[in-house]
Amino acid sequence: MEIKTEIKWLETPEEQDYPAAESYLNLIYDSKTAANLSQQLKQAPVSEFKAKDIFRASGLSLLGVSNSHVEKDRKRILAGLSLSPLLLVRDQANGKVVIADGYHRMCSVYGFDEDAVIPCKIC
């Protein structure tokens, strides 16, 4: 019988996640749109989605433990520390979900359990 590792989450994203998300969104959208999306994320309620669904909707490649950020989050999970929820943006024009902040966390969680439920803020 396989023993699952418990993945713990903070109730809300950490404050530094929002500027990080906005910085990333500035690469995809103009600065006004990125700032607006960042504000929408701050106001959005926390939702939950399975890791495999976020992964599929994003269209991104899955990073492995050879990535230092993924490994850092993996160690946090094994130590029983809580992770910050993801910040997601629906890019309806391209039919994708943009992981504005939390890509490495999502990849770490997926490595433990692709069916794990991940708290997210999405706009």
PDB file of N, CA and C in Angstrom:
ATOM      1  N   MET A   1       0.827  -1.175   0.000  1.00  0.00           N
ATOM      2  CA  MET A   1       0.000   0.000   0.000  1.00  0.00           C
ATOM      3  C   MET A   1       0.881   1.251   0.000  1.00  0.00           C
ATOM      4  N   GLU A   2       0.609   2.146  -0.917  1.00  0.00           N
ATOM      5  CA  GLU A   2       1.397   3.367  -1.062  1.00  0.00           C
ATOM      6  C   GLU A   2       0.986   4.409  -0.016  1.00  0.00           C
ATOM      7  N   ILE A   3       1.994   4.974   0.638  1.00  0.00           N
ATOM      8  CA  ILE A   3       1.736   6.027   1.619  1.00  0.00           C
ATOM      9  C   ILE A   3       1.862   7.377   0.917  1.00  0.00           C
ATOM     10  N   LYS A   4       0.790   8.183   0.990  1.00  0.00           N
ATOM     11  CA  LYS A   4       0.807   9.491   0.350  1.00  0.00           C
ATOM     12  C   LYS A   4       1.382  10.530   1.297  1.00  0.00           C
ATOM     13  N   THR A   5       2.164  11.412   0.723  1.00  0.00           N
ATOM     14  CA  THR A   5       2.721  12.523   1.475  1.00  0.00           C
ATOM     15  C   THR A   5       1.667  13.609   1.580  1.00  0.00           C
ATOM     16  N   GLU A   6       1.434  14.093   2.811  1.00  0.00           N
ATOM     17  CA  GLU A   6       0.468  15.169   2.996  1.00  0.00           C
ATOM     18  C   GLU A   6       1.083  16.480   2.513  1.00  0.00           C
ATOM     19  N   ILE A   7       0.339  17.185   1.690  1.00  0.00           N
ATOM     20  CA  ILE A   7       0.782  18.481   1.180  1.00  0.00           C
ATOM     21  C   ILE A   7      -0.042  19.544   1.890  1.00  0.00           C
ATOM     22  N   LYS A   8       0.654  20.419   2.600  1.00  0.00           N
ATOM     23  CA  LYS A   8      -0.013  21.455   3.386  1.00  0.00           C
ATOM     24  C   LYS A   8       0.029  22.784   2.631  1.00  0.00           C
ATOM     25  N   TRP A   9      -1.011  23.586   2.839  1.00  0.00           N
ATOM     26  CA  TRP A   9      -1.153  24.859   2.139  1.00  0.00           C
ATOM     27  C   TRP A   9      -1.466  25.985   3.110  1.00  0.00           C
ATOM     28  N   LEU A  10      -0.955  27.155   2.805  1.00  0.00           N
ATOM     29  CA  LEU A  10      -1.363  28.358   3.521  1.00  0.00           C
ATOM     30  C   LEU A  10      -2.792  28.678   3.103  1.00  0.00           C
ATOM     31  N   GLU A  11      -3.514  29.416   3.927  1.00  0.00           N
ATOM     32  CA  GLU A  11      -4.903  29.771   3.591  1.00  0.00           C
ATOM     33  C   GLU A  11      -4.983  30.762   2.441  1.00  0.00           C
ATOM     34  N   THR A  12      -3.996  31.658   2.358  1.00  0.00           N
ATOM     35  CA  THR A  12      -3.964  32.658   1.286  1.00  0.00           C
ATOM     36  C   THR A  12      -2.540  32.765   0.756  1.00  0.00           C
ATOM     37  N   PRO A  13      -2.384  33.273  -0.468  1.00  0.00           N
ATOM     38  CA  PRO A  13      -1.032  33.457  -1.010  1.00  0.00           C
ATOM     39  C   PRO A  13      -0.217  34.425  -0.156  1.00  0.00           C
ATOM     40  N   GLU A  14       1.081  34.247  -0.183  1.00  0.00           N
ATOM     41  CA  GLU A  14       1.972  35.161   0.521  1.00  0.00           C
ATOM     42  C   GLU A  14       2.000  36.495  -0.229  1.00  0.00           C
ATOM     43  N   GLU A  15       2.222  37.569   0.506  1.00  0.00           N
ATOM     44  CA  GLU A  15       2.157  38.910  -0.083  1.00  0.00           C
ATOM     45  C   GLU A  15       3.148  39.088  -1.235  1.00  0.00           C
ATOM     46  N   GLN A  16       4.330  38.482  -1.144  1.00  0.00           N
ATOM     47  CA  GLN A  16       5.319  38.637  -2.212  1.00  0.00           C
ATOM     48  C   GLN A  16       4.935  37.912  -3.500  1.00  0.00           C
ATOM     49  N   ASP A  17       3.923  37.053  -3.446  1.00  0.00           N
ATOM     50  CA  ASP A  17       3.499  36.333  -4.646  1.00  0.00           C
ATOM     51  C   ASP A  17       2.856  37.271  -5.674  1.00  0.00           C
ATOM     52  N   TYR A  18       2.203  38.314  -5.208  1.00  0.00           N
ATOM     53  CA  TYR A  18       1.505  39.217  -6.132  1.00  0.00           C
ATOM     54  C   TYR A  18       2.469  40.026  -7.000  1.00  0.00           C
ATOM     55  N   PRO A  19       3.519  40.650  -6.437  1.00  0.00           N
ATOM     56  CA  PRO A  19       4.480  41.336  -7.304  1.00  0.00           C
ATOM     57  C   PRO A  19       5.208  40.367  -8.247  1.00  0.00           C
ATOM     58  N   ALA A  20       5.472  39.147  -7.758  1.00  0.00           N
ATOM     59  CA  ALA A  20       6.103  38.138  -8.612  1.00  0.00           C
ATOM     60  C   ALA A  20       5.185  37.789  -9.787  1.00  0.00           C
ATOM     61  N   ALA A  21       3.896  37.643  -9.499  1.00  0.00           N
ATOM     62  CA  ALA A  21       2.922  37.346 -10.559  1.00  0.00           C
ATOM     63  C   ALA A  21       2.856  38.499 -11.551  1.00  0.00           C
ATOM     64  N   GLU A  22       2.798  39.723 -11.032  1.00  0.00           N
ATOM     65  CA  GLU A  22       2.704  40.880 -11.920  1.00  0.00           C
ATOM     66  C   GLU A  22       3.952  41.001 -12.795  1.00  0.00           C
ATOM     67  N   SER A  23       5.118  40.723 -12.230  1.00  0.00           N
ATOM     68  CA  SER A  23       6.364  40.754 -13.004  1.00  0.00           C
ATOM     69  C   SER A  23       6.299  39.767 -14.172  1.00  0.00           C
ATOM     70  N   TYR A  24       5.834  38.553 -13.884  1.00  0.00           N
ATOM     71  CA  TYR A  24       5.695  37.549 -14.944  1.00  0.00           C
ATOM     72  C   TYR A  24       4.647  37.969 -15.968  1.00  0.00           C
ATOM     73  N   LEU A  25       3.516  38.466 -15.495  1.00  0.00           N
ATOM     74  CA  LEU A  25       2.443  38.881 -16.404  1.00  0.00           C
ATOM     75  C   LEU A  25       2.870  40.035 -17.309  1.00  0.00           C
ATOM     76  N   ASN A  26       3.828  40.852 -16.850  1.00  0.00           N
ATOM     77  CA  ASN A  26       4.361  41.939 -17.679  1.00  0.00           C
ATOM     78  C   ASN A  26       5.089  41.423 -18.914  1.00  0.00           C
ATOM     79  N   LEU A  27       5.498  40.166 -18.888  1.00  0.00           N
ATOM     80  CA  LEU A  27       6.134  39.562 -20.065  1.00  0.00           C
ATOM     81  C   LEU A  27       5.108  39.163 -21.128  1.00  0.00           C
ATOM     82  N   ILE A  28       3.890  38.950 -20.686  1.00  0.00           N
ATOM     83  CA  ILE A  28       2.841  38.447 -21.578  1.00  0.00           C
ATOM     84  C   ILE A  28       1.884  39.556 -22.013  1.00  0.00           C
ATOM     85  N   TYR A  29       1.587  40.454 -21.086  1.00  0.00           N
ATOM     86  CA  TYR A  29       0.605  41.517 -21.314  1.00  0.00           C
ATOM     87  C   TYR A  29       1.266  42.880 -21.139  1.00  0.00           C
ATOM     88  N   ASP A  30       0.596  43.932 -21.595  1.00  0.00           N
ATOM     89  CA  ASP A  30       1.108  45.277 -21.351  1.00  0.00           C
ATOM     90  C   ASP A  30       1.027  45.562 -19.849  1.00  0.00           C
ATOM     91  N   SER A  31       1.766  46.571 -19.400  1.00  0.00           N
ATOM     92  CA  SER A  31       1.890  46.824 -17.958  1.00  0.00           C
ATOM     93  C   SER A  31       0.555  47.165 -17.302  1.00  0.00           C
ATOM     94  N   LYS A  32      -0.327  47.858 -17.999  1.00  0.00           N
ATOM     95  CA  LYS A  32      -1.636  48.200 -17.436  1.00  0.00           C
ATOM     96  C   LYS A  32      -2.471  46.933 -17.211  1.00  0.00           C
ATOM     97  N   THR A  33      -2.469  46.048 -18.187  1.00  0.00           N
ATOM     98  CA  THR A  33      -3.216  44.790 -18.071  1.00  0.00           C
ATOM     99  C   THR A  33      -2.631  43.923 -16.962  1.00  0.00           C
ATOM    100  N   ALA A  34      -1.299  43.847 -16.894  1.00  0.00           N
ATOM    101  CA  ALA A  34      -0.649  43.044 -15.856  1.00  0.00           C
ATOM    102  C   ALA A  34      -1.004  43.565 -14.469  1.00  0.00           C
ATOM    103  N   ALA A  35      -0.982  44.883 -14.285  1.00  0.00           N
ATOM    104  CA  ALA A  35      -1.333  45.474 -12.989  1.00  0.00           C
ATOM    105  C   ALA A  35      -2.798  45.202 -12.645  1.00  0.00           C
ATOM    106  N   ASN A  36      -3.666  45.304 -13.641  1.00  0.00           N
ATOM    107  CA  ASN A  36      -5.088  45.044 -13.432  1.00  0.00           C
ATOM    108  C   ASN A  36      -5.311  43.578 -13.025  1.00  0.00           C
ATOM    109  N   LEU A  37      -4.641  42.665 -13.705  1.00  0.00           N
ATOM    110  CA  LEU A  37      -4.774  41.246 -13.377  1.00  0.00           C
ATOM    111  C   LEU A  37      -4.255  40.957 -11.971  1.00  0.00           C
ATOM    112  N   SER A  38      -3.162  41.607 -11.594  1.00  0.00           N
ATOM    113  CA  SER A  38      -2.614  41.429 -10.252  1.00  0.00           C
ATOM    114  C   SER A  38      -3.628  41.878  -9.194  1.00  0.00           C
ATOM    115  N   GLN A  39      -4.289  42.992  -9.440  1.00  0.00           N
ATOM    116  CA  GLN A  39      -5.324  43.475  -8.512  1.00  0.00           C
ATOM    117  C   GLN A  39      -6.508  42.511  -8.451  1.00  0.00           C
ATOM    118  N   GLN A  40      -6.900  41.975  -9.617  1.00  0.00           N
ATOM    119  CA  GLN A  40      -8.001  41.012  -9.644  1.00  0.00           C
ATOM    120  C   GLN A  40      -7.637  39.758  -8.847  1.00  0.00           C
ATOM    121  N   LEU A  41      -6.384  39.334  -8.949  1.00  0.00           N
ATOM    122  CA  LEU A  41      -5.946  38.155  -8.202  1.00  0.00           C
ATOM    123  C   LEU A  41      -6.017  38.395  -6.697  1.00  0.00           C
ATOM    124  N   LYS A  42      -5.637  39.591  -6.258  1.00  0.00           N
ATOM    125  CA  LYS A  42      -5.698  39.916  -4.829  1.00  0.00           C
ATOM    126  C   LYS A  42      -7.127  39.806  -4.305  1.00  0.00           C
ATOM    127  N   GLN A  43      -8.092  40.162  -5.135  1.00  0.00           N
ATOM    128  CA  GLN A  43      -9.494  40.182  -4.714  1.00  0.00           C
ATOM    129  C   GLN A  43     -10.214  38.855  -4.952  1.00  0.00           C
ATOM    130  N   ALA A  44      -9.625  37.987  -5.721  1.00  0.00           N
ATOM    131  CA  ALA A  44     -10.279  36.717  -6.079  1.00  0.00           C
ATOM    132  C   ALA A  44     -10.356  35.787  -4.860  1.00  0.00           C
ATOM    133  N   PRO A  45     -11.435  35.004  -4.791  1.00  0.00           N
ATOM    134  CA  PRO A  45     -11.512  34.005  -3.716  1.00  0.00           C
ATOM    135  C   PRO A  45     -10.569  32.842  -4.027  1.00  0.00           C
ATOM    136  N   VAL A  46     -10.268  32.054  -3.021  1.00  0.00           N
ATOM    137  CA  VAL A  46      -9.447  30.866  -3.222  1.00  0.00           C
ATOM    138  C   VAL A  46     -10.343  29.747  -3.750  1.00  0.00           C
ATOM    139  N   SER A  47      -9.910  29.133  -4.838  1.00  0.00           N
ATOM    140  CA  SER A  47     -10.585  27.982  -5.441  1.00  0.00           C
ATOM    141  C   SER A  47      -9.641  26.788  -5.358  1.00  0.00           C
ATOM    142  N   GLU A  48     -10.124  25.632  -5.747  1.00  0.00           N
ATOM    143  CA  GLU A  48      -9.284  24.438  -5.735  1.00  0.00           C
ATOM    144  C   GLU A  48      -9.398  23.699  -7.056  1.00  0.00           C
ATOM    145  N   PHE A  49      -8.244  23.249  -7.553  1.00  0.00           N
ATOM    146  CA  PHE A  49      -8.181  22.478  -8.787  1.00  0.00           C
ATOM    147  C   PHE A  49      -7.154  21.367  -8.606  1.00  0.00           C
ATOM    148  N   LYS A  50      -7.333  20.264  -9.299  1.00  0.00           N
ATOM    149  CA  LYS A  50      -6.372  19.173  -9.258  1.00  0.00           C
ATOM    150  C   LYS A  50      -5.105  19.576 -10.013  1.00  0.00           C
ATOM    151  N   ALA A  51      -3.971  19.095  -9.516  1.00  0.00           N
ATOM    152  CA  ALA A  51      -2.678  19.392 -10.137  1.00  0.00           C
ATOM    153  C   ALA A  51      -2.679  19.020 -11.619  1.00  0.00           C
ATOM    154  N   LYS A  52      -3.216  17.848 -11.942  1.00  0.00           N
ATOM    155  CA  LYS A  52      -3.200  17.403 -13.338  1.00  0.00           C
ATOM    156  C   LYS A  52      -4.033  18.310 -14.235  1.00  0.00           C
ATOM    157  N   ASP A  53      -5.099  18.898 -13.699  1.00  0.00           N
ATOM    158  CA  ASP A  53      -5.929  19.795 -14.506  1.00  0.00           C
ATOM    159  C   ASP A  53      -5.242  21.135 -14.739  1.00  0.00           C
ATOM    160  N   ILE A  54      -4.575  21.649 -13.709  1.00  0.00           N
ATOM    161  CA  ILE A  54      -3.818  22.894 -13.881  1.00  0.00           C
ATOM    162  C   ILE A  54      -2.714  22.674 -14.902  1.00  0.00           C
ATOM    163  N   PHE A  55      -2.009  21.577 -14.772  1.00  0.00           N
ATOM    164  CA  PHE A  55      -0.926  21.236 -15.690  1.00  0.00           C
ATOM    165  C   PHE A  55      -1.442  21.170 -17.130  1.00  0.00           C
ATOM    166  N   ARG A  56      -2.525  20.471 -17.349  1.00  0.00           N
ATOM    167  CA  ARG A  56      -3.076  20.339 -18.703  1.00  0.00           C
ATOM    168  C   ARG A  56      -3.562  21.668 -19.250  1.00  0.00           C
ATOM    169  N   ALA A  57      -4.255  22.451 -18.416  1.00  0.00           N
ATOM    170  CA  ALA A  57      -4.807  23.729 -18.870  1.00  0.00           C
ATOM    171  C   ALA A  57      -3.718  24.752 -19.173  1.00  0.00           C
ATOM    172  N   SER A  58      -2.573  24.634 -18.520  1.00  0.00           N
ATOM    173  CA  SER A  58      -1.493  25.593 -18.746  1.00  0.00           C
ATOM    174  C   SER A  58      -0.741  25.309 -20.043  1.00  0.00           C
ATOM    175  N   GLY A  59      -0.697  24.050 -20.456  1.00  0.00           N
ATOM    176  CA  GLY A  59       0.045  23.686 -21.657  1.00  0.00           C
ATOM    177  C   GLY A  59       1.552  23.725 -21.455  1.00  0.00           C
ATOM    178  N   LEU A  60       2.004  23.854 -20.213  1.00  0.00           N
ATOM    179  CA  LEU A  60       3.432  23.932 -19.920  1.00  0.00           C
ATOM    180  C   LEU A  60       4.039  22.545 -19.767  1.00  0.00           C
ATOM    181  N   SER A  61       5.352  22.485 -19.861  1.00  0.00           N
ATOM    182  CA  SER A  61       6.078  21.250 -19.590  1.00  0.00           C
ATOM    183  C   SER A  61       6.232  21.104 -18.086  1.00  0.00           C
ATOM    184  N   LEU A  62       6.275  19.877 -17.640  1.00  0.00           N
ATOM    185  CA  LEU A  62       6.452  19.604 -16.224  1.00  0.00           C
ATOM    186  C   LEU A  62       7.945  19.615 -15.900  1.00  0.00           C
ATOM    187  N   LEU A  63       8.331  20.418 -14.921  1.00  0.00           N
ATOM    188  CA  LEU A  63       9.720  20.459 -14.476  1.00  0.00           C
ATOM    189  C   LEU A  63       9.956  19.331 -13.489  1.00  0.00           C
ATOM    190  N   GLY A  64      11.137  18.755 -13.536  1.00  0.00           N
ATOM    191  CA  GLY A  64      11.472  17.670 -12.627  1.00  0.00           C
ATOM    192  C   GLY A  64      12.262  18.148 -11.430  1.00  0.00           C
ATOM    193  N   VAL A  65      12.647  17.204 -10.561  1.00  0.00           N
ATOM    194  CA  VAL A  65      13.370  17.548  -9.345  1.00  0.00           C
ATOM    195  C   VAL A  65      14.778  18.058  -9.630  1.00  0.00           C
ATOM    196  N   SER A  66      15.234  17.931 -10.870  1.00  0.00           N
ATOM    197  CA  SER A  66      16.547  18.492 -11.203  1.00  0.00           C
ATOM    198  C   SER A  66      16.501  20.021 -11.207  1.00  0.00           C
ATOM    199  N   ASN A  67      15.302  20.607 -11.245  1.00  0.00           N
ATOM    200  CA  ASN A  67      15.157  22.054 -11.149  1.00  0.00           C
ATOM    201  C   ASN A  67      15.287  22.444  -9.676  1.00  0.00           C
ATOM    202  N   SER A  68      16.154  23.394  -9.384  1.00  0.00           N
ATOM    203  CA  SER A  68      16.434  23.751  -7.979  1.00  0.00           C
ATOM    204  C   SER A  68      15.208  24.280  -7.254  1.00  0.00           C
ATOM    205  N   HIS A  69      14.321  25.006  -7.930  1.00  0.00           N
ATOM    206  CA  HIS A  69      13.121  25.541  -7.279  1.00  0.00           C
ATOM    207  C   HIS A  69      12.116  24.425  -6.984  1.00  0.00           C
ATOM    208  N   VAL A  70      11.998  23.492  -7.900  1.00  0.00           N
ATOM    209  CA  VAL A  70      11.112  22.343  -7.676  1.00  0.00           C
ATOM    210  C   VAL A  70      11.639  21.518  -6.506  1.00  0.00           C
ATOM    211  N   GLU A  71      12.940  21.309  -6.468  1.00  0.00           N
ATOM    212  CA  GLU A  71      13.544  20.536  -5.380  1.00  0.00           C
ATOM    213  C   GLU A  71      13.355  21.250  -4.041  1.00  0.00           C
ATOM    214  N   LYS A  72      13.488  22.567  -4.022  1.00  0.00           N
ATOM    215  CA  LYS A  72      13.281  23.334  -2.788  1.00  0.00           C
ATOM    216  C   LYS A  72      11.854  23.145  -2.274  1.00  0.00           C
ATOM    217  N   ASP A  73      10.867  23.225  -3.184  1.00  0.00           N
ATOM    218  CA  ASP A  73       9.476  23.031  -2.781  1.00  0.00           C
ATOM    219  C   ASP A  73       9.214  21.586  -2.365  1.00  0.00           C
ATOM    220  N   ARG A  74       9.863  20.656  -3.021  1.00  0.00           N
ATOM    221  CA  ARG A  74       9.728  19.244  -2.649  1.00  0.00           C
ATOM    222  C   ARG A  74      10.214  19.021  -1.222  1.00  0.00           C
ATOM    223  N   LYS A  75      11.324  19.649  -0.881  1.00  0.00           N
ATOM    224  CA  LYS A  75      11.864  19.534   0.487  1.00  0.00           C
ATOM    225  C   LYS A  75      10.924  20.188   1.495  1.00  0.00           C
ATOM    226  N   ARG A  76      10.303  21.282   1.117  1.00  0.00           N
ATOM    227  CA  ARG A  76       9.323  21.942   1.999  1.00  0.00           C
ATOM    228  C   ARG A  76       8.152  20.998   2.281  1.00  0.00           C
ATOM    229  N   ILE A  77       7.673  20.327   1.238  1.00  0.00           N
ATOM    230  CA  ILE A  77       6.563  19.378   1.390  1.00  0.00           C
ATOM    231  C   ILE A  77       6.965  18.247   2.340  1.00  0.00           C
ATOM    232  N   LEU A  78       8.143  17.674   2.126  1.00  0.00           N
ATOM    233  CA  LEU A  78       8.609  16.561   2.962  1.00  0.00           C
ATOM    234  C   LEU A  78       8.831  16.997   4.409  1.00  0.00           C
ATOM    235  N   ALA A  79       9.170  18.271   4.616  1.00  0.00           N
ATOM    236  CA  ALA A  79       9.375  18.800   5.970  1.00  0.00           C
ATOM    237  C   ALA A  79       8.056  19.175   6.644  1.00  0.00           C
ATOM    238  N   GLY A  80       6.950  19.047   5.919  1.00  0.00           N
ATOM    239  CA  GLY A  80       5.642  19.368   6.494  1.00  0.00           C
ATOM    240  C   GLY A  80       5.336  20.853   6.530  1.00  0.00           C
ATOM    241  N   LEU A  81       6.064  21.633   5.728  1.00  0.00           N
ATOM    242  CA  LEU A  81       5.827  23.075   5.674  1.00  0.00           C
ATOM    243  C   LEU A  81       4.725  23.387   4.660  1.00  0.00           C
ATOM    244  N   SER A  82       3.998  24.458   4.908  1.00  0.00           N
ATOM    245  CA  SER A  82       2.886  24.842   4.038  1.00  0.00           C
ATOM    246  C   SER A  82       3.375  25.634   2.830  1.00  0.00           C
ATOM    247  N   LEU A  83       2.757  25.365   1.700  1.00  0.00           N
ATOM    248  CA  LEU A  83       3.046  26.083   0.457  1.00  0.00           C
ATOM    249  C   LEU A  83       2.009  27.165   0.239  1.00  0.00           C
ATOM    250  N   SER A  84       2.396  28.158  -0.547  1.00  0.00           N
ATOM    251  CA  SER A  84       1.492  29.243  -0.896  1.00  0.00           C
ATOM    252  C   SER A  84       0.605  28.819  -2.067  1.00  0.00           C
ATOM    253  N   PRO A  85      -0.690  29.146  -2.026  1.00  0.00           N
ATOM    254  CA  PRO A  85      -1.566  28.831  -3.156  1.00  0.00           C
ATOM    255  C   PRO A  85      -1.054  29.448  -4.461  1.00  0.00           C
ATOM    256  N   LEU A  86      -1.469  28.877  -5.573  1.00  0.00           N
ATOM    257  CA  LEU A  86      -1.070  29.371  -6.889  1.00  0.00           C
ATOM    258  C   LEU A  86      -1.903  30.578  -7.299  1.00  0.00           C
ATOM    259  N   LEU A  87      -1.343  31.385  -8.189  1.00  0.00           N
ATOM    260  CA  LEU A  87      -2.055  32.511  -8.786  1.00  0.00           C
ATOM    261  C   LEU A  87      -2.186  32.219 -10.279  1.00  0.00           C
ATOM    262  N   LEU A  88      -3.423  32.114 -10.743  1.00  0.00           N
ATOM    263  CA  LEU A  88      -3.712  31.720 -12.131  1.00  0.00           C
ATOM    264  C   LEU A  88      -4.528  32.788 -12.848  1.00  0.00           C
ATOM    265  N   VAL A  89      -4.278  32.898 -14.157  1.00  0.00           N
ATOM    266  CA  VAL A  89      -5.031  33.823 -15.005  1.00  0.00           C
ATOM    267  C   VAL A  89      -5.585  33.039 -16.180  1.00  0.00           C
ATOM    268  N   ARG A  90      -6.873  33.213 -16.436  1.00  0.00           N
ATOM    269  CA  ARG A  90      -7.492  32.576 -17.605  1.00  0.00           C
ATOM    270  C   ARG A  90      -7.181  33.419 -18.847  1.00  0.00           C
ATOM    271  N   ASP A  91      -6.419  32.854 -19.764  1.00  0.00           N
ATOM    272  CA  ASP A  91      -6.102  33.513 -21.028  1.00  0.00           C
ATOM    273  C   ASP A  91      -7.074  32.965 -22.067  1.00  0.00           C
ATOM    274  N   GLN A  92      -8.268  33.545 -22.091  1.00  0.00           N
ATOM    275  CA  GLN A  92      -9.328  33.025 -22.949  1.00  0.00           C
ATOM    276  C   GLN A  92      -8.998  33.160 -24.430  1.00  0.00           C
ATOM    277  N   ALA A  93      -8.216  34.163 -24.791  1.00  0.00           N
ATOM    278  CA  ALA A  93      -7.864  34.358 -26.193  1.00  0.00           C
ATOM    279  C   ALA A  93      -7.060  33.173 -26.725  1.00  0.00           C
ATOM    280  N   ASN A  94      -6.252  32.549 -25.847  1.00  0.00           N
ATOM    281  CA  ASN A  94      -5.419  31.422 -26.265  1.00  0.00           C
ATOM    282  C   ASN A  94      -5.884  30.086 -25.700  1.00  0.00           C
ATOM    283  N   GLY A  95      -6.988  30.099 -24.938  1.00  0.00           N
ATOM    284  CA  GLY A  95      -7.521  28.856 -24.389  1.00  0.00           C
ATOM    285  C   GLY A  95      -6.585  28.175 -23.411  1.00  0.00           C
ATOM    286  N   LYS A  96      -5.851  28.971 -22.629  1.00  0.00           N
ATOM    287  CA  LYS A  96      -4.894  28.430 -21.665  1.00  0.00           C
ATOM    288  C   LYS A  96      -5.093  29.074 -20.303  1.00  0.00           C
ATOM    289  N   VAL A  97      -4.474  28.473 -19.315  1.00  0.00           N
ATOM    290  CA  VAL A  97      -4.380  29.078 -17.993  1.00  0.00           C
ATOM    291  C   VAL A  97      -2.922  29.476 -17.812  1.00  0.00           C
ATOM    292  N   VAL A  98      -2.708  30.730 -17.472  1.00  0.00           N
ATOM    293  CA  VAL A  98      -1.366  31.233 -17.202  1.00  0.00           C
ATOM    294  C   VAL A  98      -1.088  31.043 -15.717  1.00  0.00           C
ATOM    295  N   ILE A  99      -0.015  30.354 -15.398  1.00  0.00           N
ATOM    296  CA  ILE A  99       0.399  30.236 -14.002  1.00  0.00           C
ATOM    297  C   ILE A  99       1.252  31.468 -13.717  1.00  0.00           C
ATOM    298  N   ALA A 100       0.603  32.489 -13.169  1.00  0.00           N
ATOM    299  CA  ALA A 100       1.281  33.760 -12.915  1.00  0.00           C
ATOM    300  C   ALA A 100       2.280  33.622 -11.771  1.00  0.00           C
ATOM    301  N   ASP A 101       1.976  32.789 -10.790  1.00  0.00           N
ATOM    302  CA  ASP A 101       2.914  32.495  -9.704  1.00  0.00           C
ATOM    303  C   ASP A 101       2.593  31.105  -9.170  1.00  0.00           C
ATOM    304  N   GLY A 102       3.640  30.298  -9.001  1.00  0.00           N
ATOM    305  CA  GLY A 102       3.459  28.976  -8.418  1.00  0.00           C
ATOM    306  C   GLY A 102       3.781  27.809  -9.342  1.00  0.00           C
ATOM    307  N   TYR A 103       4.386  28.087 -10.486  1.00  0.00           N
ATOM    308  CA  TYR A 103       4.714  27.024 -11.439  1.00  0.00           C
ATOM    309  C   TYR A 103       5.563  25.937 -10.780  1.00  0.00           C
ATOM    310  N   HIS A 104       6.604  26.335 -10.048  1.00  0.00           N
ATOM    311  CA  HIS A 104       7.475  25.353  -9.409  1.00  0.00           C
ATOM    312  C   HIS A 104       6.743  24.569  -8.323  1.00  0.00           C
ATOM    313  N   ARG A 105       5.864  25.264  -7.592  1.00  0.00           N
ATOM    314  CA  ARG A 105       5.078  24.564  -6.567  1.00  0.00           C
ATOM    315  C   ARG A 105       4.169  23.521  -7.212  1.00  0.00           C
ATOM    316  N   MET A 106       3.522  23.898  -8.318  1.00  0.00           N
ATOM    317  CA  MET A 106       2.637  22.964  -9.009  1.00  0.00           C
ATOM    318  C   MET A 106       3.419  21.744  -9.494  1.00  0.00           C
ATOM    319  N   CYS A 107       4.612  21.968 -10.048  1.00  0.00           N
ATOM    320  CA  CYS A 107       5.423  20.850 -10.527  1.00  0.00           C
ATOM    321  C   CYS A 107       5.846  19.948  -9.367  1.00  0.00           C
ATOM    322  N   SER A 108       6.192  20.543  -8.224  1.00  0.00           N
ATOM    323  CA  SER A 108       6.571  19.754  -7.047  1.00  0.00           C
ATOM    324  C   SER A 108       5.411  18.896  -6.564  1.00  0.00           C
ATOM    325  N   VAL A 109       4.255  19.511  -6.454  1.00  0.00           N
ATOM    326  CA  VAL A 109       3.063  18.794  -5.984  1.00  0.00           C
ATOM    327  C   VAL A 109       2.712  17.673  -6.948  1.00  0.00           C
ATOM    328  N   TYR A 110       2.743  17.946  -8.247  1.00  0.00           N
ATOM    329  CA  TYR A 110       2.430  16.946  -9.264  1.00  0.00           C
ATOM    330  C   TYR A 110       3.336  15.719  -9.112  1.00  0.00           C
ATOM    331  N   GLY A 111       4.597  15.952  -8.735  1.00  0.00           N
ATOM    332  CA  GLY A 111       5.536  14.848  -8.543  1.00  0.00           C
ATOM    333  C   GLY A 111       5.133  13.918  -7.410  1.00  0.00           C
ATOM    334  N   PHE A 112       4.397  14.423  -6.430  1.00  0.00           N
ATOM    335  CA  PHE A 112       3.901  13.602  -5.332  1.00  0.00           C
ATOM    336  C   PHE A 112       2.566  12.956  -5.670  1.00  0.00           C
ATOM    337  N   ASP A 113       1.683  13.728  -6.294  1.00  0.00           N
ATOM    338  CA  ASP A 113       0.329  13.230  -6.537  1.00  0.00           C
ATOM    339  C   ASP A 113      -0.351  14.095  -7.598  1.00  0.00           C
ATOM    340  N   GLU A 114      -0.525  13.561  -8.781  1.00  0.00           N
ATOM    341  CA  GLU A 114      -1.150  14.346  -9.851  1.00  0.00           C
ATOM    342  C   GLU A 114      -2.612  14.669  -9.560  1.00  0.00           C
ATOM    343  N   ASP A 115      -3.224  13.928  -8.646  1.00  0.00           N
ATOM    344  CA  ASP A 115      -4.604  14.190  -8.258  1.00  0.00           C
ATOM    345  C   ASP A 115      -4.726  15.125  -7.055  1.00  0.00           C
ATOM    346  N   ALA A 116      -3.596  15.607  -6.553  1.00  0.00           N
ATOM    347  CA  ALA A 116      -3.625  16.506  -5.388  1.00  0.00           C
ATOM    348  C   ALA A 116      -4.425  17.747  -5.728  1.00  0.00           C
ATOM    349  N   VAL A 117      -5.207  18.183  -4.756  1.00  0.00           N
ATOM    350  CA  VAL A 117      -6.009  19.394  -4.913  1.00  0.00           C
ATOM    351  C   VAL A 117      -5.157  20.578  -4.456  1.00  0.00           C
ATOM    352  N   ILE A 118      -5.042  21.562  -5.354  1.00  0.00           N
ATOM    353  CA  ILE A 118      -4.206  22.734  -5.093  1.00  0.00           C
ATOM    354  C   ILE A 118      -5.085  23.963  -4.943  1.00  0.00           C
ATOM    355  N   PRO A 119      -4.954  24.693  -3.833  1.00  0.00           N
ATOM    356  CA  PRO A 119      -5.691  25.945  -3.705  1.00  0.00           C
ATOM    357  C   PRO A 119      -5.061  26.994  -4.626  1.00  0.00           C
ATOM    358  N   CYS A 120      -5.928  27.785  -5.243  1.00  0.00           N
ATOM    359  CA  CYS A 120      -5.491  28.791  -6.213  1.00  0.00           C
ATOM    360  C   CYS A 120      -6.406  30.008  -6.140  1.00  0.00           C
ATOM    361  N   LYS A 121      -5.854  31.121  -6.566  1.00  0.00           N
ATOM    362  CA  LYS A 121      -6.676  32.273  -6.865  1.00  0.00           C
ATOM    363  C   LYS A 121      -6.637  32.391  -8.376  1.00  0.00           C
ATOM    364  N   ILE A 122      -7.799  32.584  -8.994  1.00  0.00           N
ATOM    365  CA  ILE A 122      -7.866  32.619 -10.455  1.00  0.00           C
ATOM    366  C   ILE A 122      -8.758  33.767 -10.899  1.00  0.00           C
ATOM    367  N   CYS A 123      -8.310  34.436 -11.940  1.00  0.00           N
ATOM    368  CA  CYS A 123      -9.143  35.495 -12.523  1.00  0.00           C
ATOM    369  C   CYS A 123      -9.128  35.343 -14.033  1.00  0.00           C
TER     370      CYS A 123
END
